[in-house]
Each structure stands twice: as C-alpha cells, then as structure tokens.
C-alpha cells in the first residue's frame, strides 16, 4: 500500500493534487481571547446541524468551521491535511483506502471519538429518501470496515485518486455514533467551539473548547458569534457601525467605501469561485444543443468582468475548472461574444428568434441582477430576447435554483477536478443544476469515470482538458466569470497572510485561523 503520512507528500501517480499533510504553521504575536463577531450571508430559517442541508457560508462557518470536524481538511494553500484522521494509505489502484484516526478526541458531550462514528456519519448520506448533495460520493464506497478502534478501511467501486480530498467536503461532518439525532438537534461535534446558543437562520454563539486535540496554535478566540445577514447593505451597515468585526460577500462597488474607513480593511482572494447561468436541459427546450450554443455566443463575458466584478476576477469559459485547479486548461479560449453565431445556431434550431425567461437574485451572487440585465442587452443583438425576472432572495435556492429552466447561480468551486464534477456535473449528482446527462453528455460521463481511476498525471490532464472542451462547447451551464472572493474585516482582527480560496472567509474557518490583533 502507498502510505501518506502527515509530514509527507503523495508523490505517486495517485496524486490528483499535492496532498500535503503538514499542520498549520505557528504564528508569531497571536493573541488569545476575545470574541469574533461576523455578519454572514447564506442563512435560512430551515438551517440545522444536519450537514445534508448545508449549502452556503453561514452554516459552513458554523458547522465545519467551528463546531464539527471532517476526516480531512483543505489548508489555506490548497494542500490536504488530516483533521480527525492522522494519515491514510491506499493500494496501487487507489481503490482501497485505510485511514488512521486520532486518539484522545472527544465529542462535546464527552463521548470518545472512534471508527464507529466515521462509519455511521457517512452512512447517514445513504438513508432512503435523503437529499444529501454528496450521496453519489458516499455511494461510491462499496464497503466501510472498522479495522480497529482508530482505523477505518474504505473499498471503492472503482479507484479514485482524489478520495481523501472528497472526505473534506463540508457535508461529511462526523457525528457521535448512536447519538446522531441528538447531535443534529443540539450541535454536538468535535470542533474547536461548543454551541452555547443557536437560532436557525439567525445566530450562533459558541465558546472555545479547553484542551482541544488541535492544541493552542489554532482557535484563538474565547467566543464566536455569527449573525445571519443575507442583505449586503445590512452587512455593510453592521460593519461600519462596529456591530460586527467581519462580513463576507463584499460587492466590488462597495470596496472603496470600506477602504475609506481607517478602522476596516478588505481582503481579496483569487480562486475557483464562479458565477453561472445553468440551463435545465431535461425539462425545457434547452435540451437542444443549438439553443445552448446560441445562448453561449450571446453573452459578453468581458463586459460582466468589467461591469459586475469591476475587474476583480477573470473571464470564464463555461467550465467550473478554474485557475486554482491542477488540470485547469489555461490555453482554451472562451467562446467569443458573437451575435452572428448566436443567430446561426438559432437558425440551426429552426428559430428566427428566442424568447426566454432568466430568473435571478443577488442571493445567487452579488451583482446577479446586474449581470442578468447585461446579458439581456448583449443577447438581443443576436436575436435572443431575455425577460429578466427578479426573484425573492428568501427561498431562492429551494424555489428557483434547479426548479426554473434558466437562472443565476454561484459556486465556490472545488480543490480538485473530480470533486467539482462529482458534485455538480456527474449525471447522478443531486446538485447537477443543468441536469445535463444521458446521451447528450455520454462522452463527458465516460471521461469522468476514466479520469477518476487514471493514475498517470499526463493522461489525466488530457482527459480533463477534453472534458473542459466538451463543457465549453456543448454543456448546459454558462460560466461567464470567475470572481475573486472579497470580504471586509475590522483592523481589530488579524488573519494570516495566506487565506484559503476554497470557500469564502478563509475556507469558512476564521474561528480557527484568525485572532485578535
């Protein structure tokens, strides 16, 4: 078996990315104590400690970022470290994985952590009727075996070089075996912070766990308070007034106002966050590839980067694989804005013009409505007439996204190609928001399975490049731009020079990684 220690690197062909397993670096001049108050978007009245329902920053920060842990963790530099696992090893075909678990870890109710907790927590995503977005990731495990109190072995249906990365997904939280429902009700995890109070969709307060297994080099605050603030203006007001110390999702247009305040600063992180317009290919006329191509040529991507992102990002090419991914095909040119080609593809579909409704809300991403109206203006030049419908922010993800044929969406991206594709482009993925599958994407789906088991990095690169071409040319999602992540923070709060770019707010782990200045 190929052993991957906490201090080593996976240097075999099984490396889908560099799986570094060293811990967080020691920081000089960090202060212990104080309370971190953050105003966060993405909260819902239906929020709970059930990770199968988590989909946005508020619960990501509350759960994976504070109260719970996963087996592995993506570090700020994009490499992988053990969290509840210390190390792991795999067979040469990357099909059987053995994870060694930490000793001395306890849940907040005192229960000792062990192998049973891992197995029961993962099986939660396979329950009948569950809508877990990672069901297809867990269902790829054909056998979970407890090989010791602190060791678990996973056998996969087929090899997957990225498997340790997948176990860091924020939905795969570890709960106490035999007590999962109580843990979901009360928020009982192994994380650095213990729940004091939690009001779904409103607020979390939590206190630092003493003598935590992660030690004293992380989790510097005595207390954290996360306040749900879905409205961008409300977040800005709370930050300027001192009600909160940090907020996420800064509109680029508001950056100057923050920087004009000497007590505040803006942090900008470039990564794989992307904004998109998914088209439901099964339930609408958008199953016609010519209509999709017309819509792809009808969008002015550079105008969106210039006017919506104000330059804080880059043009996208209708694929979620971005510059922070190992196999990002940087040489592929995005489809150009070309009204004549848009009309050509309309004609190929038997139409002289296309009238279509685009649902949008700034709940999808900051500036989504502005982007929709820019799209409306550019598409009209190609005979595509878009009716922009401004949807309510409350309930957008449940009532609009994946429900209406054409809408706005926003994604954080993922650290590896397979993780991203398995989450949103696999034909079996619950979050496949274009429902692009079957005969229309047969080649793509075939390559997805082949690349997952391919251990030769060069061959894998070729496969992922072809997949990006297929998505660009024929796929059901328009990705016009990759957006830098912007958040604002009080100068009373300090943070590392390098911030994580996987999720917003330093991978949603500011409770663990930041401290009082």
Protein backbone atom coordinates (compact mmCIF):
# COMPACT_ATOMS: atom_id res chain seq x y z
CA UNK A 1 0.00 0.00 0.00
CA UNK A 2 1.09 3.62 -0.57
CA UNK A 3 1.40 5.36 2.78
CA UNK A 4 0.64 9.06 3.13
CA UNK A 5 1.84 10.49 6.43
CA UNK A 6 1.01 13.82 7.99
CA UNK A 7 4.52 15.06 7.17
CA UNK A 8 4.89 13.52 3.77
CA UNK A 9 3.69 14.14 0.24
CA UNK A 10 1.86 11.75 -2.02
CA UNK A 11 4.36 11.54 -4.85
CA UNK A 12 2.94 8.52 -6.68
CA UNK A 13 0.73 8.79 -9.74
CA UNK A 14 -2.27 8.72 -7.41
CA UNK A 15 -1.81 12.39 -6.66
CA UNK A 16 -4.74 14.31 -8.08
CA UNK A 17 -3.32 17.31 -6.30
CA UNK A 18 -0.47 17.69 -3.88
CA UNK A 19 -1.77 16.00 -0.73
CA UNK A 20 0.49 17.69 1.79
CA UNK A 21 -0.27 16.64 5.32
CA UNK A 22 1.65 19.08 7.47
CA UNK A 23 -0.18 21.06 10.11
CA UNK A 24 -0.87 24.78 10.23
CA UNK A 25 2.26 26.88 10.80
CA UNK A 26 2.95 28.51 14.12
CA UNK A 27 2.19 32.22 14.07
CA UNK A 28 4.08 34.89 15.91
CA UNK A 29 2.31 37.51 18.02
CA UNK A 30 -1.11 35.86 18.08
CA UNK A 31 -3.34 36.95 20.94
CA UNK A 32 -5.56 34.59 22.82
CA UNK A 33 -9.05 35.59 23.88
CA UNK A 34 -11.74 37.95 22.72
CA UNK A 35 -14.89 37.41 20.70
CA UNK A 36 -15.15 37.22 16.92
CA UNK A 37 -18.43 38.66 15.59
CA UNK A 38 -19.18 38.03 11.95
CA UNK A 39 -22.15 39.00 9.78
CA UNK A 40 -22.65 36.25 7.22
CA UNK A 41 -24.88 35.70 4.22
CA UNK A 42 -26.42 32.41 3.15
CA UNK A 43 -28.61 31.80 6.20
CA UNK A 44 -32.04 30.18 6.04
CA UNK A 45 -34.83 29.67 8.53
CA UNK A 46 -34.59 25.93 7.83
CA UNK A 47 -30.90 25.76 8.82
CA UNK A 48 -29.94 22.93 11.18
CA UNK A 49 -26.93 20.91 12.27
CA UNK A 50 -27.82 18.28 9.67
CA UNK A 51 -24.93 18.63 7.22
CA UNK A 52 -27.03 17.16 4.42
CA UNK A 53 -28.88 20.50 4.28
CA UNK A 54 -25.86 22.82 4.31
CA UNK A 55 -25.37 24.89 1.17
CA UNK A 56 -23.96 28.32 1.98
CA UNK A 57 -21.48 30.31 4.05
CA UNK A 58 -23.47 30.75 7.26
CA UNK A 59 -23.83 27.06 8.08
CA UNK A 60 -20.44 26.16 6.60
CA UNK A 61 -18.80 28.58 9.05
CA UNK A 62 -20.96 27.42 11.96
CA UNK A 63 -20.54 23.70 11.33
CA UNK A 64 -17.33 22.65 9.57
CA UNK A 65 -15.66 25.93 10.51
CA UNK A 66 -16.31 25.77 14.25
CA UNK A 67 -18.47 23.06 15.86
CA UNK A 68 -17.73 19.93 13.80
CA UNK A 69 -14.80 18.27 12.06
CA UNK A 70 -14.27 16.09 8.99
CA UNK A 71 -11.68 13.36 8.41
CA UNK A 72 -9.53 15.66 6.29
CA UNK A 73 -9.13 19.40 5.79
CA UNK A 74 -8.02 21.57 2.88
CA UNK A 75 -5.38 24.01 4.09
CA UNK A 76 -5.14 27.64 3.03
CA UNK A 77 -2.53 26.75 0.40
CA UNK A 78 -4.82 24.15 -1.18
CA UNK A 79 -3.00 21.09 0.12
CA UNK A 80 -4.61 18.45 2.28
CA UNK A 81 -4.06 17.69 5.96
CA UNK A 82 -5.62 15.27 8.38
CA UNK A 83 -8.31 16.56 10.70
CA UNK A 84 -9.90 13.64 12.54
CA UNK A 85 -7.64 11.35 10.52
CA UNK A 86 -3.87 11.41 11.10
CA UNK A 87 -2.80 9.72 7.88
CA UNK A 88 -4.01 7.35 5.18
CA UNK A 89 -2.74 4.81 2.71
CA UNK A 90 -4.00 3.30 -0.50
CA UNK A 91 -3.50 0.34 -2.77
CA UNK A 92 -1.76 1.00 -6.13
CA UNK A 93 -5.14 1.17 -7.90
CA UNK A 94 -6.44 3.80 -5.41
CA UNK A 95 -9.45 1.58 -4.75
CA UNK A 96 -8.85 0.58 -1.12
CA UNK A 97 -8.08 3.35 1.35
CA UNK A 98 -7.16 2.90 5.02
CA UNK A 99 -7.47 5.89 7.36
CA UNK A 100 -5.86 6.05 10.79
CA UNK A 101 -7.85 8.13 13.28
CA UNK A 102 -6.73 10.45 16.05
CA UNK A 103 -6.60 9.28 19.61
CA UNK A 104 -7.71 11.40 22.54
CA UNK A 105 -10.53 13.14 20.64
CA UNK A 106 -13.87 13.63 22.38
CA UNK A 107 -17.21 14.99 21.29
CA UNK A 108 -18.59 17.96 23.19
CA UNK A 109 -20.78 15.63 25.26
CA UNK A 110 -17.74 13.64 26.40
CA UNK A 111 -18.10 10.64 24.09
CA UNK A 112 -14.77 9.33 22.78
CA UNK A 113 -14.27 9.52 19.01
CA UNK A 114 -13.57 6.34 17.04
CA UNK A 115 -14.18 4.31 13.92
CA UNK A 116 -17.90 3.71 14.57
CA UNK A 117 -18.51 7.46 14.44
CA UNK A 118 -16.95 7.71 10.97
CA UNK A 119 -18.95 4.82 9.53
CA UNK A 120 -22.31 5.91 10.95
CA UNK A 121 -21.76 9.52 9.89
CA UNK A 122 -21.05 8.57 6.29
CA UNK A 123 -23.95 6.11 6.17
CA UNK A 124 -26.24 9.00 7.09
CA UNK A 125 -25.93 10.21 3.49
CA UNK A 126 -27.25 6.91 2.13
CA UNK A 127 -30.51 6.80 4.08
CA UNK A 128 -33.62 6.21 1.99
CA UNK A 129 -35.18 9.47 0.86
CA UNK A 130 -32.16 11.59 1.80
CA UNK A 131 -31.45 14.58 -0.41
CA UNK A 132 -27.77 14.72 0.53
CA UNK A 133 -25.74 16.52 -2.15
CA UNK A 134 -22.85 14.11 -1.54
CA UNK A 135 -24.89 10.93 -1.78
CA UNK A 136 -23.16 9.91 -5.01
CA UNK A 137 -19.74 10.44 -3.39
CA UNK A 138 -20.58 8.17 -0.44
CA UNK A 139 -22.42 5.63 -2.58
CA UNK A 140 -19.15 5.04 -4.47
CA UNK A 141 -17.91 3.33 -1.28
CA UNK A 142 -18.88 -0.33 -1.57
CA UNK A 143 -17.58 -1.30 1.87
CA UNK A 144 -16.73 0.52 5.10
CA UNK A 145 -14.86 -1.68 7.55
CA UNK A 146 -13.82 -0.96 11.11
CA UNK A 147 -10.33 -2.47 11.21
CA UNK A 148 -9.61 -1.13 14.69
CA UNK A 149 -10.98 1.34 17.20
CA UNK A 150 -9.00 4.05 15.42
CA UNK A 151 -8.81 2.72 11.89
CA UNK A 152 -11.33 2.56 9.04
CA UNK A 153 -10.91 0.96 5.62
CA UNK A 154 -12.92 2.04 2.59
CA UNK A 155 -13.31 -0.02 -0.56
CA UNK A 156 -14.49 1.92 -3.60
CA UNK A 157 -16.43 0.65 -6.59
CA UNK A 158 -13.57 2.00 -8.69
CA UNK A 159 -10.30 3.67 -7.88
CA UNK A 160 -10.31 7.38 -7.05
CA UNK A 161 -7.04 9.25 -6.63
CA UNK A 162 -8.91 12.21 -5.11
CA UNK A 163 -10.74 10.25 -2.41
CA UNK A 164 -9.01 11.87 0.62
CA UNK A 165 -9.95 15.30 -0.75
CA UNK A 166 -13.59 14.28 -1.06
CA UNK A 167 -13.71 13.43 2.64
CA UNK A 168 -13.04 17.09 3.45
CA UNK A 169 -16.37 18.12 1.90
CA UNK A 170 -18.32 20.28 4.35
CA UNK A 171 -21.30 17.92 4.16
CA UNK A 172 -19.26 14.99 5.53
CA UNK A 173 -19.21 16.05 9.16
CA UNK A 174 -18.53 13.42 11.80
CA UNK A 175 -21.25 12.82 14.42
CA UNK A 176 -21.21 10.56 17.52
CA UNK A 177 -22.37 7.04 16.68
CA UNK A 178 -25.66 6.05 18.28
CA UNK A 179 -26.36 9.71 19.09
CA UNK A 180 -26.60 11.29 15.67
CA UNK A 181 -30.11 12.67 16.01
CA UNK A 182 -29.25 14.23 19.38
CA UNK A 183 -26.07 15.68 17.85
CA UNK A 184 -28.09 17.19 14.99
CA UNK A 185 -30.60 18.62 17.45
CA UNK A 186 -28.01 20.17 19.78
CA UNK A 187 -24.91 20.66 17.65
CA UNK A 188 -22.61 18.10 19.26
CA UNK A 189 -19.34 17.79 17.38
CA UNK A 190 -15.60 17.52 17.97
CA UNK A 191 -14.78 21.04 16.76
CA UNK A 192 -12.87 23.82 18.49
CA UNK A 193 -16.09 25.56 19.59
CA UNK A 194 -19.01 24.28 21.67
CA UNK A 195 -22.52 25.59 20.97
CA UNK A 196 -23.95 27.95 23.58
CA UNK A 197 -26.99 29.02 21.59
CA UNK A 198 -28.21 28.50 18.04
CA UNK A 199 -31.24 30.05 16.35
CA UNK A 200 -31.67 28.64 12.83
CA UNK A 201 -31.21 31.29 10.17
CA UNK A 202 -30.36 33.91 12.78
CA UNK A 203 -27.41 33.42 15.11
CA UNK A 204 -24.78 31.12 16.62
CA UNK A 205 -22.82 31.77 19.79
CA UNK A 206 -20.13 29.29 20.81
CA UNK A 207 -17.20 29.08 23.21
CA UNK A 208 -13.70 27.64 22.82
CA UNK A 209 -13.29 24.05 23.99
CA UNK A 210 -10.44 23.85 26.54
CA UNK A 211 -7.67 21.30 26.00
CA UNK A 212 -8.81 20.61 22.44
CA UNK A 213 -6.96 18.00 20.41
CA UNK A 214 -5.84 20.63 17.87
CA UNK A 215 -3.80 22.38 20.57
CA UNK A 216 -3.21 26.08 21.21
CA UNK A 217 -1.96 27.12 17.79
CA UNK A 218 -5.49 27.42 16.34
CA UNK A 219 -8.82 28.61 17.72
CA UNK A 220 -7.55 31.79 19.39
CA UNK A 221 -10.91 33.41 20.26
CA UNK A 222 -12.65 32.63 23.55
CA UNK A 223 -16.03 33.10 21.86
CA UNK A 224 -17.55 33.45 18.41
CA UNK A 225 -20.84 35.00 17.38
CA UNK A 226 -22.10 34.50 13.84
CA UNK A 227 -25.08 36.65 12.87
CA UNK A 228 -27.17 35.93 9.79
CA UNK A 229 -27.19 38.94 7.46
CA UNK A 230 -28.37 37.99 3.99
CA UNK A 231 -28.72 41.58 2.80
CA UNK A 232 -25.47 43.17 1.56
CA UNK A 233 -26.45 46.66 2.76
CA UNK A 234 -27.26 45.32 6.23
CA UNK A 235 -23.85 43.67 6.44
CA UNK A 236 -22.09 46.87 5.41
CA UNK A 237 -24.00 48.95 7.95
CA UNK A 238 -23.22 46.46 10.72
CA UNK A 239 -19.52 46.51 9.85
CA UNK A 240 -19.23 50.30 9.72
CA UNK A 241 -21.13 50.69 13.00
CA UNK A 242 -18.96 48.14 14.78
CA UNK A 243 -21.81 45.70 15.38
CA UNK A 244 -19.69 43.00 13.71
CA UNK A 245 -15.98 42.56 13.10
CA UNK A 246 -16.14 40.86 9.70
CA UNK A 247 -18.55 40.32 6.82
CA UNK A 248 -18.48 38.18 3.71
CA UNK A 249 -19.54 38.83 0.11
CA UNK A 250 -18.47 42.42 -0.45
CA UNK A 251 -19.86 43.87 -3.64
CA UNK A 252 -16.87 45.19 -5.64
CA UNK A 253 -18.68 48.52 -5.94
CA UNK A 254 -18.63 48.85 -2.13
CA UNK A 255 -14.90 48.26 -1.77
CA UNK A 256 -13.94 51.92 -1.88
CA UNK A 257 -16.34 52.77 0.96
CA UNK A 258 -14.76 50.11 3.16
CA UNK A 259 -11.22 51.18 2.37
CA UNK A 260 -12.09 54.79 3.16
CA UNK A 261 -12.71 53.73 6.76
CA UNK A 262 -9.37 53.59 8.58
CA UNK A 263 -10.75 51.00 11.00
CA UNK A 264 -11.53 48.50 8.25
CA UNK A 265 -9.75 46.59 5.50
CA UNK A 266 -10.73 44.45 2.54
CA UNK A 267 -9.20 41.04 1.87
CA UNK A 268 -9.30 39.74 -1.71
CA UNK A 269 -8.69 36.11 -2.60
CA UNK A 270 -8.43 34.64 -6.09
CA UNK A 271 -9.62 31.09 -6.59
CA UNK A 272 -12.25 28.97 -8.30
CA UNK A 273 -15.37 30.86 -7.19
CA UNK A 274 -17.50 31.23 -10.30
CA UNK A 275 -20.84 32.72 -11.27
CA UNK A 276 -23.04 30.87 -13.70
CA UNK A 277 -26.32 30.57 -15.57
CA UNK A 278 -27.39 26.89 -15.57
CA UNK A 279 -29.93 25.70 -18.14
CA UNK A 280 -32.23 22.78 -17.29
CA UNK A 281 -31.60 20.59 -20.29
CA UNK A 282 -34.13 17.89 -19.40
CA UNK A 283 -37.18 19.95 -18.59
CA UNK A 284 -37.08 22.60 -21.30
CA UNK A 285 -36.25 23.40 -24.92
CA UNK A 286 -32.69 23.99 -23.71
CA UNK A 287 -32.09 20.32 -24.29
CA UNK A 288 -31.37 21.45 -27.87
CA UNK A 289 -27.60 21.96 -28.04
CA UNK A 290 -28.04 24.64 -30.72
CA UNK A 291 -30.10 26.79 -28.36
CA UNK A 292 -27.42 26.40 -25.70
CA UNK A 293 -24.74 27.39 -28.20
CA UNK A 294 -26.78 30.42 -29.22
CA UNK A 295 -27.01 31.50 -25.57
CA UNK A 296 -23.28 30.93 -25.08
CA UNK A 297 -22.42 33.19 -28.02
CA UNK A 298 -24.94 35.78 -26.86
CA UNK A 299 -23.17 36.66 -23.62
CA UNK A 300 -20.45 39.32 -23.35
CA UNK A 301 -18.19 37.80 -20.73
CA UNK A 302 -15.64 40.60 -20.61
CA UNK A 303 -18.39 43.14 -20.03
CA UNK A 304 -19.51 41.17 -16.99
CA UNK A 305 -16.00 41.03 -15.55
CA UNK A 306 -15.61 44.76 -16.16
CA UNK A 307 -19.03 45.96 -15.00
CA UNK A 308 -20.17 43.40 -12.40
CA UNK A 309 -16.83 42.40 -10.90
CA UNK A 310 -15.15 45.75 -11.66
CA UNK A 311 -12.13 43.75 -12.77
CA UNK A 312 -11.93 41.62 -9.60
CA UNK A 313 -11.97 38.33 -11.45
CA UNK A 314 -11.45 36.82 -14.87
CA UNK A 315 -13.44 35.64 -17.88
CA UNK A 316 -14.86 32.12 -17.60
CA UNK A 317 -15.23 29.58 -20.38
CA UNK A 318 -18.34 27.63 -19.33
CA UNK A 319 -16.47 25.15 -17.17
CA UNK A 320 -16.14 25.15 -13.36
CA UNK A 321 -12.48 24.20 -13.52
CA UNK A 322 -10.55 27.32 -12.63
CA UNK A 323 -7.02 28.69 -12.24
CA UNK A 324 -6.61 27.14 -8.79
CA UNK A 325 -7.13 23.62 -10.17
CA UNK A 326 -4.20 21.42 -11.10
CA UNK A 327 -5.61 20.49 -14.52
CA UNK A 328 -7.05 23.85 -15.50
CA UNK A 329 -6.76 24.16 -19.29
CA UNK A 330 -5.46 27.73 -19.40
CA UNK A 331 -4.88 27.57 -23.15
CA UNK A 332 -8.56 27.08 -24.00
CA UNK A 333 -10.10 30.30 -25.30
CA UNK A 334 -13.64 31.08 -24.07
CA UNK A 335 -16.37 31.10 -26.69
CA UNK A 336 -16.46 34.66 -28.07
CA UNK A 337 -19.38 37.04 -27.84
CA UNK A 338 -20.66 36.78 -31.41
CA UNK A 339 -24.27 37.81 -32.22
CA UNK A 340 -23.95 36.41 -35.74
CA UNK A 341 -23.02 32.97 -34.41
CA UNK A 342 -25.88 33.22 -31.93
CA UNK A 343 -28.31 33.81 -34.84
CA UNK A 344 -26.68 30.97 -36.79
CA UNK A 345 -27.35 28.48 -34.01
CA UNK A 346 -30.90 29.77 -33.56
CA UNK A 347 -31.46 29.04 -37.23
CA UNK A 348 -29.95 25.57 -36.78
CA UNK A 349 -32.58 25.04 -34.08
CA UNK A 350 -35.30 26.13 -36.51
CA UNK A 351 -35.87 29.54 -34.92
CA UNK A 352 -35.60 33.14 -36.11
CA UNK A 353 -35.59 34.43 -32.53
CA UNK A 354 -35.61 33.08 -28.99
CA UNK A 355 -37.74 34.45 -26.18
CA UNK A 356 -36.61 33.15 -22.82
CA UNK A 357 -37.01 33.95 -19.13
CA UNK A 358 -33.96 34.28 -16.88
CA UNK A 359 -34.59 34.14 -13.13
CA UNK A 360 -32.06 35.96 -10.96
CA UNK A 361 -31.49 37.25 -7.45
CA UNK A 362 -28.48 38.64 -5.64
CA UNK A 363 -28.91 35.62 -3.37
CA UNK A 364 -27.14 33.72 -6.15
CA UNK A 365 -24.18 36.11 -6.15
CA UNK A 366 -23.57 39.80 -5.55
CA UNK A 367 -24.47 41.59 -8.78
CA UNK A 368 -26.54 38.72 -10.24
CA UNK A 369 -29.36 41.04 -11.29
CA UNK A 370 -26.93 43.45 -12.93
CA UNK A 371 -25.32 40.51 -14.73
CA UNK A 372 -28.71 39.30 -15.93
CA UNK A 373 -29.53 42.70 -17.39
CA UNK A 374 -26.13 42.91 -19.10
CA UNK A 375 -26.85 39.50 -20.59
CA UNK A 376 -30.28 40.74 -21.72
CA UNK A 377 -28.67 43.64 -23.59
CA UNK A 378 -25.94 41.64 -25.30
CA UNK A 379 -28.15 38.69 -26.27
CA UNK A 380 -30.70 40.91 -28.02
CA UNK A 381 -28.10 41.69 -30.66
CA UNK A 382 -28.20 38.00 -31.62
CA UNK A 383 -31.96 37.62 -31.72
CA UNK A 384 -32.25 36.34 -28.15
CA UNK A 385 -34.77 38.26 -26.06
CA UNK A 386 -34.34 37.64 -22.35
CA UNK A 387 -37.05 38.51 -19.84
CA UNK A 388 -35.22 39.04 -16.54
CA UNK A 389 -37.32 38.03 -13.53
CA UNK A 390 -36.14 39.39 -10.19
CA UNK A 391 -36.74 36.60 -7.70
CA UNK A 392 -37.02 36.91 -3.92
CA UNK A 393 -33.77 36.18 -2.08
CA UNK A 394 -35.58 34.20 0.60
CA UNK A 395 -36.15 30.72 -0.76
CA UNK A 396 -34.14 31.27 -3.94
CA UNK A 397 -32.16 28.07 -3.56
CA UNK A 398 -35.22 25.95 -2.86
CA UNK A 399 -37.79 27.54 -5.16
CA UNK A 400 -35.79 28.81 -8.16
CA UNK A 401 -32.42 27.08 -8.46
CA UNK A 402 -32.86 23.72 -10.20
CA UNK A 403 -36.59 24.43 -10.42
CA UNK A 404 -36.79 27.05 -13.18
CA UNK A 405 -35.33 26.41 -16.65
CA UNK A 406 -32.81 29.28 -16.71
CA UNK A 407 -31.45 31.05 -13.65
CA UNK A 408 -28.42 32.60 -11.97
CA UNK A 409 -26.19 30.56 -9.69
CA UNK A 410 -22.92 30.87 -7.81
CA UNK A 411 -20.34 28.23 -6.90
CA UNK A 412 -17.27 28.18 -4.70
CA UNK A 413 -15.51 25.67 -6.92
CA UNK A 414 -13.63 22.69 -5.51
CA UNK A 415 -9.97 21.87 -4.90
CA UNK A 416 -9.85 19.03 -7.42
CA UNK A 417 -11.48 18.45 -10.79
CA UNK A 418 -13.17 15.20 -9.79
CA UNK A 419 -14.60 16.76 -6.64
CA UNK A 420 -16.20 19.56 -8.66
CA UNK A 421 -17.52 17.29 -11.38
CA UNK A 422 -18.79 14.70 -8.87
CA UNK A 423 -20.68 17.44 -7.05
CA UNK A 424 -22.39 19.16 -9.98
CA UNK A 425 -21.73 17.51 -13.34
CA UNK A 426 -21.95 13.76 -12.74
CA UNK A 427 -25.24 12.54 -14.19
CA UNK A 428 -26.14 11.14 -10.74
CA UNK A 429 -25.17 14.25 -8.76
CA UNK A 430 -28.09 15.76 -6.78
CA UNK A 431 -26.65 19.24 -7.42
CA UNK A 432 -26.30 18.77 -11.19
CA UNK A 433 -28.03 22.08 -11.82
CA UNK A 434 -28.29 21.70 -15.60
CA UNK A 435 -29.46 18.06 -15.47
CA UNK A 436 -27.08 17.57 -18.40
CA UNK A 437 -26.77 13.80 -18.61
CA UNK A 438 -27.54 10.74 -20.66
CA UNK A 439 -26.92 10.68 -24.40
CA UNK A 440 -26.20 14.41 -24.51
CA UNK A 441 -23.13 14.01 -22.30
CA UNK A 442 -22.16 10.38 -22.84
CA UNK A 443 -18.54 11.18 -23.73
CA UNK A 444 -18.18 13.54 -20.77
CA UNK A 445 -19.61 10.98 -18.32
CA UNK A 446 -17.32 8.30 -19.73
CA UNK A 447 -14.26 10.52 -19.31
CA UNK A 448 -15.32 11.43 -15.77
CA UNK A 449 -15.18 7.78 -14.72
CA UNK A 450 -11.95 7.11 -16.63
CA UNK A 451 -10.11 10.15 -15.24
CA UNK A 452 -11.13 9.21 -11.71
CA UNK A 453 -9.18 5.95 -11.86
CA UNK A 454 -6.31 7.12 -14.08
CA UNK A 455 -3.12 7.41 -12.02
CA UNK A 456 -0.88 8.75 -14.80
CA UNK A 457 -0.92 12.52 -14.33
CA UNK A 458 -0.28 13.34 -18.00
CA UNK A 459 -3.10 11.09 -19.20
CA UNK A 460 -5.35 12.57 -16.54
CA UNK A 461 -4.53 16.07 -17.73
CA UNK A 462 -5.52 15.13 -21.29
CA UNK A 463 -8.84 13.72 -20.09
CA UNK A 464 -9.72 16.77 -18.02
CA UNK A 465 -8.76 19.04 -20.89
CA UNK A 466 -11.16 17.22 -23.21
CA UNK A 467 -13.89 17.44 -20.56
CA UNK A 468 -13.41 21.19 -20.33
CA UNK A 469 -13.73 21.47 -24.11
CA UNK A 470 -16.96 19.45 -24.07
CA UNK A 471 -18.45 21.67 -21.36
CA UNK A 472 -17.41 24.84 -23.15
CA UNK A 473 -18.88 23.78 -26.47
CA UNK A 474 -21.92 21.70 -25.55
CA UNK A 475 -22.53 21.82 -21.80
CA UNK A 476 -25.63 23.01 -20.02
CA UNK A 477 -24.01 25.68 -17.82
CA UNK A 478 -22.79 29.13 -18.88
CA UNK A 479 -19.88 30.25 -16.67
CA UNK A 480 -19.09 33.81 -17.80
CA UNK A 481 -16.72 34.74 -14.96
CA UNK A 482 -14.53 33.60 -12.10
CA UNK A 483 -14.94 36.05 -9.23
CA UNK A 484 -12.35 36.92 -6.61
CA UNK A 485 -13.69 36.50 -3.10
CA UNK A 486 -13.97 39.83 -1.26
CA UNK A 487 -14.62 40.17 2.44
CA UNK A 488 -14.16 43.01 4.90
CA UNK A 489 -12.77 42.88 8.42
CA UNK A 490 -12.11 45.24 11.30
CA UNK A 491 -8.48 46.05 11.98
CA UNK A 492 -9.12 44.71 15.48
CA UNK A 493 -8.98 41.26 13.89
CA UNK A 494 -5.79 39.73 12.47
CA UNK A 495 -5.54 36.91 9.95
CA UNK A 496 -2.77 35.01 8.17
CA UNK A 497 -1.12 36.45 5.07
CA UNK A 498 -2.42 33.49 3.05
CA UNK A 499 -6.16 32.87 3.14
CA UNK A 500 -7.94 29.79 1.89
CA UNK A 501 -9.58 30.13 -1.53
CA UNK A 502 -11.79 27.03 -1.46
CA UNK A 503 -14.71 28.65 0.39
CA UNK A 504 -15.44 32.23 1.41
CA UNK A 505 -13.93 33.68 4.59
CA UNK A 506 -10.67 31.69 4.67
CA UNK A 507 -12.42 28.42 3.80
CA UNK A 508 -15.09 29.43 6.36
CA UNK A 509 -12.55 28.68 9.11
CA UNK A 510 -12.00 32.17 10.50
CA UNK A 511 -12.90 30.94 14.03
CA UNK A 512 -9.96 28.57 13.80
CA UNK A 513 -7.42 30.64 11.88
CA UNK A 514 -7.91 34.32 12.87
CA UNK A 515 -7.17 36.15 16.14
CA UNK A 516 -7.43 39.49 17.93
CA UNK A 517 -4.89 41.99 16.57
